[in-house]
Protein backbone atom coordinates (compact mmCIF):
# COMPACT_ATOMS: atom_id res chain seq x y z
CA UNK A 1 84.80 43.29 -78.96
CA UNK A 2 81.78 41.55 -80.50
CA UNK A 3 83.29 42.00 -83.96
CA UNK A 4 86.60 40.57 -82.74
CA UNK A 5 84.90 37.51 -81.23
CA UNK A 6 82.82 36.86 -84.35
CA UNK A 7 85.84 37.26 -86.62
CA UNK A 8 87.95 34.88 -84.53
CA UNK A 9 85.14 32.32 -84.57
CA UNK A 10 84.95 32.59 -88.36
CA UNK A 11 88.73 32.28 -88.73
CA UNK A 12 88.72 29.10 -86.65
CA UNK A 13 85.70 27.63 -88.47
CA UNK A 14 86.87 28.58 -91.96
CA UNK A 15 90.38 27.29 -91.26
CA UNK A 16 88.95 23.90 -90.29
CA UNK A 17 86.67 23.79 -93.36
CA UNK A 18 89.09 25.10 -95.99
CA UNK A 19 92.10 23.43 -94.38
CA UNK A 20 90.34 20.06 -94.53
CA UNK A 21 89.37 20.73 -98.16
CA UNK A 22 93.01 21.54 -98.97
CA UNK A 23 94.25 18.35 -97.33
CA UNK A 24 91.68 16.25 -99.21
CA UNK A 25 92.39 17.98 -102.54
CA UNK A 26 96.19 17.84 -102.30
CA UNK A 27 96.63 14.26 -103.62
CA UNK A 28 94.65 15.20 -106.74
CA UNK A 29 96.46 18.50 -107.41
CA UNK A 30 99.86 17.66 -108.88
CA UNK A 31 100.94 21.30 -109.12
CA UNK A 32 99.26 22.54 -105.94
CA UNK A 33 97.46 25.23 -107.97
CA UNK A 34 93.96 24.07 -107.02
CA UNK A 35 94.90 23.91 -103.35
CA UNK A 36 96.21 27.46 -103.58
CA UNK A 37 92.82 28.52 -105.00
CA UNK A 38 91.19 26.99 -101.91
CA UNK A 39 93.56 29.07 -99.77
CA UNK A 40 92.62 32.16 -101.79
CA UNK A 41 88.92 31.53 -101.08
CA UNK A 42 89.76 31.14 -97.39
CA UNK A 43 91.49 34.54 -97.48
CA UNK A 44 88.52 36.19 -99.21
CA UNK A 45 86.13 34.77 -96.62
CA UNK A 46 88.14 36.17 -93.71
CA UNK A 47 88.29 39.64 -95.25
CA UNK A 48 84.55 39.55 -95.92
CA UNK A 49 83.77 38.43 -92.37
CA UNK A 50 86.06 41.14 -90.97
CA UNK A 51 84.55 43.88 -93.17
CA UNK A 52 87.95 44.75 -94.60
CA UNK A 53 88.02 46.52 -97.96
CA UNK A 54 91.13 46.09 -100.10
CA UNK A 55 92.34 48.15 -103.05
CA UNK A 56 95.33 47.13 -105.15
CA UNK A 57 97.57 49.16 -107.43
CA UNK A 58 100.35 47.88 -109.69
CA UNK A 59 98.97 44.51 -110.81
CA UNK A 60 100.27 45.46 -114.26
CA UNK A 61 103.84 45.47 -112.92
CA UNK A 62 104.20 41.70 -113.21
CA UNK A 63 103.33 38.97 -115.69
CA UNK A 64 101.33 36.14 -114.01
CA UNK A 65 102.84 33.63 -116.43
CA UNK A 66 106.39 34.34 -115.18
CA UNK A 67 108.16 33.38 -111.96
CA UNK A 68 109.07 36.02 -109.39
CA UNK A 69 110.05 36.35 -105.77
CA UNK A 70 107.46 38.60 -104.16
CA UNK A 71 108.68 40.38 -101.03
CA UNK A 72 106.09 42.05 -98.81
CA UNK A 73 106.26 44.06 -95.61
CA UNK A 74 104.62 42.37 -92.62
CA UNK A 75 102.36 44.52 -90.43
CA UNK A 76 99.73 42.10 -89.16
CA UNK A 77 98.26 38.59 -89.23
CA UNK A 78 95.84 39.99 -91.82
CA UNK A 79 98.64 40.38 -94.37
CA UNK A 80 98.25 36.69 -95.21
CA UNK A 81 94.56 36.71 -96.26
CA UNK A 82 95.06 40.07 -98.01
CA UNK A 83 97.87 38.72 -100.21
CA UNK A 84 96.16 35.38 -100.82
CA UNK A 85 92.93 37.03 -101.90
CA UNK A 86 94.27 39.88 -104.00
CA UNK A 87 97.57 38.91 -105.63
CA UNK A 88 96.52 37.67 -109.07
CA UNK A 89 98.94 34.83 -109.61
CA UNK A 90 99.92 31.45 -108.32
CA UNK A 91 102.55 31.67 -105.60
CA UNK A 92 103.88 29.58 -102.74
CA UNK A 93 104.69 30.91 -99.28
CA UNK A 94 108.13 30.57 -97.78
CA UNK A 95 106.97 30.61 -94.16
CA UNK A 96 108.34 29.93 -90.69
CA UNK A 97 108.20 26.32 -89.53
CA UNK A 98 105.92 27.13 -86.57
CA UNK A 99 102.96 27.74 -88.90
CA UNK A 100 103.23 24.22 -90.31
CA UNK A 101 102.71 22.77 -86.82
CA UNK A 102 99.18 24.22 -86.52
CA UNK A 103 96.67 21.34 -86.85
CA UNK A 104 94.83 21.22 -90.22
CA UNK A 105 96.19 24.67 -91.20
CA UNK A 106 99.73 23.31 -91.43
CA UNK A 107 98.62 20.23 -93.37
CA UNK A 108 96.75 22.47 -95.78
CA UNK A 109 99.86 24.60 -96.29
CA UNK A 110 101.91 21.54 -97.14
CA UNK A 111 99.19 20.38 -99.50
CA UNK A 112 99.46 23.64 -101.41
CA UNK A 113 103.21 23.22 -101.76
CA UNK A 114 104.12 26.00 -99.34
CA UNK A 115 107.67 25.77 -98.04
CA UNK A 116 108.67 25.56 -94.37
CA UNK A 117 111.80 27.33 -93.21
CA UNK A 118 113.31 26.65 -89.78
CA UNK A 119 115.40 29.68 -88.89
CA UNK A 120 116.78 27.95 -85.78
CA UNK A 121 118.54 25.34 -87.95
CA UNK A 122 120.88 26.84 -90.54
CA UNK A 123 121.27 23.60 -92.51
CA UNK A 124 117.51 23.02 -92.66
CA UNK A 125 117.00 26.66 -93.66
CA UNK A 126 119.41 26.31 -96.58
CA UNK A 127 117.62 23.13 -97.69
CA UNK A 128 114.34 25.08 -97.63
CA UNK A 129 115.89 27.73 -99.86
CA UNK A 130 116.97 25.02 -102.31
CA UNK A 131 113.41 23.67 -102.32
CA UNK A 132 112.11 27.17 -102.99
CA UNK A 133 114.56 27.56 -105.88
CA UNK A 134 113.19 24.32 -107.39
CA UNK A 135 109.65 25.70 -107.05
CA UNK A 136 110.68 28.85 -108.90
CA UNK A 137 112.44 26.91 -111.64
CA UNK A 138 109.27 24.87 -112.14
CA UNK A 139 107.46 28.10 -113.04
CA UNK A 140 105.77 29.12 -109.77
CA UNK A 141 106.46 32.30 -107.82
CA UNK A 142 107.41 32.45 -104.13
CA UNK A 143 106.19 34.94 -101.49
CA UNK A 144 108.48 36.02 -98.65
CA UNK A 145 108.20 38.39 -95.70
CA UNK A 146 111.85 39.55 -95.67
CA UNK A 147 111.43 41.14 -92.21
CA UNK A 148 110.91 37.63 -90.86
CA UNK A 149 108.19 38.68 -88.41
CA UNK A 150 105.51 41.32 -87.91
CA UNK A 151 106.50 44.93 -87.31
CA UNK A 152 105.89 46.26 -83.79
CA UNK A 153 105.00 49.76 -85.01
CA UNK A 154 103.97 49.33 -88.64
CA UNK A 155 107.30 50.68 -89.93
CA UNK A 156 109.57 48.53 -92.10
CA UNK A 157 112.07 46.50 -90.06
CA UNK A 158 115.50 45.24 -91.10
CA UNK A 159 115.54 42.39 -93.64
CA UNK A 160 116.80 38.81 -93.33
CA UNK A 161 119.31 37.73 -95.98
CA UNK A 162 117.90 34.31 -96.90
CA UNK A 163 115.41 35.60 -99.47
CA UNK A 164 118.15 37.46 -101.30
CA UNK A 165 120.37 34.38 -101.45
CA UNK A 166 117.38 32.62 -103.02
CA UNK A 167 116.86 35.52 -105.43
CA UNK A 168 120.41 35.56 -106.80
CA UNK A 169 120.53 31.73 -107.00
CA UNK A 170 117.20 31.53 -108.84
CA UNK A 171 117.99 34.53 -111.05
CA UNK A 172 114.40 35.80 -111.14
CA UNK A 173 113.18 39.38 -110.51
CA UNK A 174 112.07 40.53 -107.06
CA UNK A 175 108.68 42.24 -106.90
CA UNK A 176 108.41 44.46 -103.81
CA UNK A 177 104.91 44.65 -102.29
CA UNK A 178 103.73 47.24 -99.75
CA UNK A 179 100.69 46.66 -97.55
CA UNK A 180 99.17 49.72 -95.86
CA UNK A 181 96.46 49.56 -93.21
CA UNK A 182 96.62 46.08 -91.70
CA UNK A 183 98.58 47.38 -88.70
CA UNK A 184 95.60 49.52 -87.71
CA UNK A 185 93.25 46.55 -88.17
CA UNK A 186 95.22 44.22 -85.91
CA UNK A 187 98.60 45.33 -84.55
CA UNK A 188 101.04 42.73 -83.27
CA UNK A 189 100.50 43.75 -79.63
CA UNK A 190 96.69 43.38 -79.71
CA UNK A 191 94.07 40.69 -80.21
CA UNK A 192 91.41 43.23 -81.11
CA UNK A 193 90.29 43.22 -84.75
CA UNK A 194 88.89 46.36 -86.41
CA UNK A 195 87.26 46.73 -89.79
CA UNK A 196 88.88 49.15 -92.21
CA UNK A 197 90.52 49.80 -95.55
CA UNK A 198 93.73 48.21 -96.76
CA UNK A 199 95.81 49.32 -99.72
CA UNK A 200 98.29 47.06 -101.50
CA UNK A 201 101.02 48.55 -103.71
CA UNK A 202 102.80 46.25 -106.14
CA UNK A 203 106.00 47.99 -107.16
CA UNK A 204 108.02 47.49 -110.33
CA UNK A 205 110.26 44.40 -110.37
CA UNK A 206 113.92 44.70 -109.45
CA UNK A 207 116.10 42.56 -111.68
CA UNK A 208 118.63 40.25 -110.01
CA UNK A 209 120.81 39.75 -113.10
CA UNK A 210 124.30 40.96 -112.30
CA UNK A 211 124.00 40.13 -108.60
CA UNK A 212 125.73 37.13 -107.03
CA UNK A 213 125.90 35.92 -103.46
CA UNK A 214 128.70 38.39 -102.77
CA UNK A 215 126.38 41.23 -103.81
CA UNK A 216 123.32 39.99 -101.86
CA UNK A 217 123.64 42.86 -99.35
CA UNK A 218 123.56 45.40 -102.18
CA UNK A 219 120.43 43.75 -103.56
CA UNK A 220 118.87 43.74 -100.08
CA UNK A 221 119.50 47.47 -99.70
CA UNK A 222 118.12 48.22 -103.17
CA UNK A 223 114.86 46.41 -102.39
CA UNK A 224 114.51 47.78 -98.87
CA UNK A 225 115.24 51.35 -99.97
CA UNK A 226 112.56 51.12 -102.66
CA UNK A 227 110.02 49.80 -100.17
CA UNK A 228 110.91 52.39 -97.52
CA UNK A 229 110.52 55.17 -100.08
CA UNK A 230 107.06 53.94 -101.11
CA UNK A 231 105.96 53.50 -97.49
CA UNK A 232 107.16 56.98 -96.54
CA UNK A 233 105.31 58.57 -99.44
CA UNK A 234 102.02 57.06 -98.24
CA UNK A 235 102.74 58.08 -94.62
CA UNK A 236 103.22 61.64 -95.87
CA UNK A 237 99.82 61.60 -97.56
CA UNK A 238 100.49 60.38 -101.08
CA UNK A 239 97.60 58.35 -102.55
CA UNK A 240 98.07 54.60 -102.37
């Protein structure tokens, strides 16, 4: 419990420090890239304080100079610092509106150009998807948790359709990302934080050319099936 208390204290302190830095830097960062680098440093600091070791495979599967929609499974609150710290490209989160209401943290997210999506308001949600499409067309990738919320048991949940509407409208490839190990570090049902090892798998991109809105469900199933296959292989003992 001492480790949990110390980690929580660091998360609060670092969020205030780096969040304030992001808010102050935002007016001077036209693209939001520098603010995202501040967020990446924040993620690194949390992993270091939590004694979490991360290994990544598949960085060669995408070109950092291109735009993609990254879709990751969501096991834990620690997925956010893991992806910020270890995905080697500029990206913007498409995240639930509640996160943007957190003092300082939410302001920092807006400063980085992250995009709020209110799932309780269909019209607002569609406007958020249009904003995300503009971000992609400007040359920056977007990160989505297609499950919409954290898994209760670490296993992949069903996917929301919004990210796939965005994918076919933007016409960019989807890069599936699998995170293994964060569920054991901090499951959804617990406040206890454990140190440990996390593995991130970046899978090969899935092209969206040939898919339209009418085929969004087919695209959803193609992405989810690929991610389920990769997750099952690791659960059965395959190296990550």
